Structure formats: C-alpha cells, structure tokens
Amino acid sequence: MKNIQRLLLAFFFLSAILLVVIAYKSGLKEFQPEKDSLFKITFTYPASWTWEKDRPFDEIPPGEEPPPSELIVFKNAPISIQVYKPSNPQVLMQKWMDAYLGAVANMLSYDNTFQIDDHNARWLTVVYPPQNTSASHVDEGIYLLTEDRFYTIDLSISEAEMDGRLHKQFEELIKSIKVLP
C-alpha cells in the first residue's frame, strides 16, 4: 500500500513539474505599461513577438484635433494596439465606429459585442475582396471601452490564415487582457 502511495505521489510530483515546464515553454510574455503611459491594460503575447512604440495613426477629419493616444506595433506579427484618451471616450469611439461601419458595411462578416474584464468590447471582422492577388484580406478589429479611454486592437491577415496559429495567438491575446485601475 505504501509503495502505491509513493508511486502516486511521485506521479503527481512529476506531473506538476511537467505542467511548469509546458507553461514555461509556451513562451508567453506579459505587457505591462510604463508608469506614464496612456495604456492601462495588461495582456500576454508570445515571447517570440517584439513590439515597439510607434507614432499613432489617426484618420481624423480635417479641422478635428486628435485625442491623446499611444500605439504599439508588433514587429513580427501584423498586430497593433492603440489607446485613445479623449474627453468623452464613448462618444468619440461611437462616432468613429459608425463612420468605419458605414465604409465597410458590405464587407463585414462578423460583429459581436462581448466583455473584456467586465468592460464593453466589440469584435468586428471585415473581409476585403482580392485586389492584386487571388486572396481576400481580413481585418480583425477589437474595440474596448473603459472608463476614460478606448482601445483599438487590430490584426490584418489573409483569409487563408484565419484558422492558423497567428489568429489563435491573437484570440489568446484578447482573452488575456486585464484592465488596470
């Protein structure tokens, strides 16, 4: 009986070690914003990805002043995350989203409202028809609204890659988002 208990104890111990090794080898990093950053979210992403701060890209109508924003772009994955901190984030996000949806309405293939860490978010998938190639292009856009800012999280891939590893990693990144106080 003692031998069986020892064997079971050894099995559970080795299983625990194996889980730690698998988690370590999964190679995830956690994004933590700098103290003075507009970013107030954390998320995990593959350790093989590197990111850099970039100049925010805003398509602001003439005469409008862009709100404060920051942008990070992953160098080896077609993903960007931008944060905006306007005086009224809900109104501005809705205005921009309405304009975007008006422009892509006939190409919209998915539109879902959901929660990220108890905050309202919307997932839009737009499939662009082929232009200079035979493949369609897909843009995934996540719009996350928090108390005083909103985020756009974008993935841009070919339609053939929709079930691929990169898309699954993007989905895991979205699932891992936590909003900081």
Protein backbone atom coordinates (compact mmCIF):
# COMPACT_ATOMS: atom_id res chain seq x y z
CA MET A 1 0.00 0.00 0.00
CA LYS A 2 2.85 2.38 0.85
CA ASN A 3 4.51 1.63 -2.47
CA ILE A 4 1.33 2.59 -4.33
CA GLN A 5 1.10 5.82 -2.32
CA ARG A 6 4.74 6.63 -3.10
CA LEU A 7 4.19 5.84 -6.75
CA LEU A 8 1.12 8.09 -6.88
CA LEU A 9 2.97 10.86 -5.04
CA ALA A 10 5.87 10.60 -7.50
CA PHE A 11 3.44 10.63 -10.41
CA PHE A 12 1.72 13.78 -9.15
CA PHE A 13 5.07 15.44 -8.45
CA LEU A 14 6.33 14.68 -11.97
CA SER A 15 3.03 15.84 -13.46
CA ALA A 16 3.35 19.16 -11.63
CA ILE A 17 6.90 19.60 -12.92
CA LEU A 18 5.75 18.78 -16.45
CA LEU A 19 2.99 21.41 -16.24
CA VAL A 20 5.51 24.03 -15.11
CA VAL A 21 7.84 23.12 -17.98
CA ILE A 22 4.98 23.27 -20.51
CA ALA A 23 3.88 26.65 -19.18
CA TYR A 24 7.47 27.92 -19.35
CA LYS A 25 7.95 26.57 -22.86
CA SER A 26 4.69 28.12 -24.00
CA GLY A 27 6.85 31.22 -24.11
CA LEU A 28 4.44 33.94 -23.12
CA LYS A 29 5.40 37.44 -22.06
CA GLU A 30 3.21 39.94 -20.26
CA PHE A 31 2.81 43.51 -21.43
CA GLN A 32 2.98 45.92 -18.51
CA PRO A 33 2.57 49.62 -19.32
CA GLU A 34 5.11 52.15 -18.14
CA LYS A 35 4.05 54.44 -15.31
CA ASP A 36 3.37 57.49 -17.50
CA SER A 37 1.75 55.51 -20.34
CA LEU A 38 -1.80 56.04 -21.55
CA PHE A 39 -2.08 52.24 -21.66
CA LYS A 40 -3.98 50.90 -18.65
CA ILE A 41 -4.21 47.27 -19.74
CA THR A 42 -2.04 44.21 -19.45
CA PHE A 43 -2.04 41.19 -21.74
CA THR A 44 0.09 38.20 -22.63
CA TYR A 45 1.64 37.54 -26.01
CA PRO A 46 4.12 35.03 -27.48
CA ALA A 47 7.69 35.62 -26.36
CA SER A 48 8.82 35.44 -29.98
CA TRP A 49 6.90 38.65 -30.73
CA THR A 50 8.58 42.00 -30.20
CA TRP A 51 6.82 45.31 -30.07
CA GLU A 52 7.73 48.93 -30.36
CA LYS A 53 6.04 52.21 -29.70
CA ASP A 54 5.09 53.91 -32.90
CA ARG A 55 3.52 57.17 -33.93
CA PRO A 56 -0.23 56.84 -33.57
CA PHE A 57 -2.09 56.56 -36.83
CA ASP A 58 -5.28 58.52 -36.68
CA GLU A 59 -7.53 59.27 -39.61
CA ILE A 60 -9.02 62.41 -38.14
CA PRO A 61 -11.35 64.52 -40.30
CA PRO A 62 -9.88 67.93 -41.22
CA GLY A 63 -10.40 70.50 -38.52
CA GLU A 64 -10.64 67.94 -35.69
CA GLU A 65 -7.93 67.66 -33.09
CA PRO A 66 -6.79 64.10 -32.37
CA PRO A 67 -7.18 62.97 -28.76
CA PRO A 68 -4.09 61.91 -26.81
CA SER A 69 -3.11 58.42 -27.95
CA GLU A 70 -0.31 55.87 -27.94
CA LEU A 71 0.36 52.99 -30.29
CA ILE A 72 2.33 49.78 -30.05
CA VAL A 73 3.02 47.66 -33.11
CA PHE A 74 4.31 44.11 -33.06
CA LYS A 75 7.30 43.88 -35.40
CA ASN A 76 6.86 40.22 -36.34
CA ALA A 77 3.07 39.93 -36.18
CA PRO A 78 0.56 42.10 -38.09
CA ILE A 79 -0.99 43.37 -34.86
CA SER A 80 -1.29 46.86 -33.44
CA ILE A 81 -2.85 48.19 -30.26
CA GLN A 82 -3.75 51.84 -29.90
CA VAL A 83 -5.16 53.64 -26.89
CA TYR A 84 -7.07 56.93 -27.00
CA LYS A 85 -7.89 59.21 -24.10
CA PRO A 86 -10.41 61.77 -25.36
CA SER A 87 -12.55 63.91 -23.09
CA ASN A 88 -15.58 61.72 -23.86
CA PRO A 89 -14.35 58.28 -24.97
CA GLN A 90 -17.76 56.68 -25.51
CA VAL A 91 -18.99 59.43 -27.84
CA LEU A 92 -15.80 59.57 -29.90
CA MET A 93 -15.50 55.79 -30.15
CA GLN A 94 -19.13 55.53 -31.31
CA LYS A 95 -18.62 58.30 -33.86
CA TRP A 96 -15.51 56.64 -35.30
CA MET A 97 -17.11 53.19 -35.25
CA ASP A 98 -20.22 54.44 -37.06
CA ALA A 99 -18.04 56.00 -39.77
CA TYR A 100 -15.97 52.81 -40.10
CA LEU A 101 -19.03 50.55 -40.24
CA GLY A 102 -20.58 52.79 -42.88
CA ALA A 103 -17.48 52.39 -45.04
CA VAL A 104 -17.19 48.59 -44.69
CA ALA A 105 -20.84 47.52 -44.27
CA ASN A 106 -20.89 45.30 -47.35
CA MET A 107 -17.64 43.56 -46.33
CA LEU A 108 -18.49 42.99 -42.65
CA SER A 109 -18.53 39.27 -41.91
CA TYR A 110 -18.66 39.29 -38.09
CA ASP A 111 -19.91 41.76 -35.49
CA ASN A 112 -20.07 40.70 -31.86
CA THR A 113 -20.43 42.62 -28.60
CA PHE A 114 -18.77 40.98 -25.60
CA GLN A 115 -16.97 41.73 -22.33
CA ILE A 116 -13.25 42.05 -21.65
CA ASP A 117 -12.54 42.12 -17.91
CA ASP A 118 -16.08 43.48 -17.25
CA HIS A 119 -15.76 46.24 -19.89
CA ASN A 120 -17.72 46.59 -23.11
CA ALA A 121 -15.93 45.46 -26.24
CA ARG A 122 -16.86 44.83 -29.84
CA TRP A 123 -15.23 42.42 -32.30
CA LEU A 124 -15.53 43.26 -35.99
CA THR A 125 -14.23 41.14 -38.87
CA VAL A 126 -14.02 42.71 -42.29
CA VAL A 127 -13.15 40.65 -45.38
CA TYR A 128 -11.79 42.75 -48.21
CA PRO A 129 -12.12 41.39 -51.74
CA PRO A 130 -8.94 40.39 -53.55
CA GLN A 131 -7.13 43.27 -55.19
CA ASN A 132 -3.77 42.45 -56.74
CA THR A 133 -3.83 38.84 -55.59
CA SER A 134 -6.26 35.97 -55.62
CA ALA A 135 -6.58 36.02 -51.81
CA SER A 136 -9.02 38.01 -49.74
CA HIS A 137 -7.68 40.13 -46.91
CA VAL A 138 -9.14 40.09 -43.38
CA ASP A 139 -9.01 42.79 -40.72
CA GLU A 140 -10.00 41.85 -37.18
CA GLY A 141 -10.76 44.85 -35.00
CA ILE A 142 -11.44 44.80 -31.29
CA TYR A 143 -12.81 47.99 -29.77
CA LEU A 144 -12.55 48.11 -25.97
CA LEU A 145 -14.17 50.89 -23.94
CA THR A 146 -13.01 51.56 -20.39
CA GLU A 147 -13.97 54.37 -18.03
CA ASP A 148 -11.80 57.12 -19.50
CA ARG A 149 -10.27 55.70 -22.71
CA PHE A 150 -10.77 53.29 -25.52
CA TYR A 151 -8.52 50.83 -27.32
CA THR A 152 -8.39 49.51 -30.86
CA ILE A 153 -6.66 46.17 -31.30
CA ASP A 154 -6.11 45.18 -34.91
CA LEU A 155 -4.98 42.07 -36.75
CA SER A 156 -4.51 42.11 -40.51
CA ILE A 157 -4.07 38.76 -42.30
CA SER A 158 -5.03 36.89 -45.44
CA GLU A 159 -8.31 34.98 -45.33
CA ALA A 160 -6.36 31.72 -45.70
CA GLU A 161 -4.69 32.40 -42.32
CA MET A 162 -7.96 32.71 -40.38
CA ASP A 163 -7.62 29.25 -38.82
CA GLY A 164 -3.85 29.49 -38.45
CA ARG A 165 -1.53 29.81 -35.49
CA LEU A 166 -1.29 33.62 -35.67
CA HIS A 167 -5.07 34.03 -35.48
CA LYS A 168 -5.24 31.68 -32.49
CA GLN A 169 -2.46 33.66 -30.77
CA PHE A 170 -4.40 36.87 -31.44
CA GLU A 171 -7.51 35.35 -29.86
CA GLU A 172 -5.45 34.30 -26.81
CA LEU A 173 -4.03 37.83 -26.52
CA ILE A 174 -7.58 39.22 -26.48
CA LYS A 175 -8.67 36.70 -23.83
CA SER A 176 -5.72 37.65 -21.63
CA ILE A 177 -6.46 41.41 -21.46
CA LYS A 178 -6.89 42.83 -17.98
CA VAL A 179 -7.85 46.45 -17.34
CA LEU A 180 -5.78 48.21 -14.68
CA PRO A 181 -7.36 50.56 -12.15
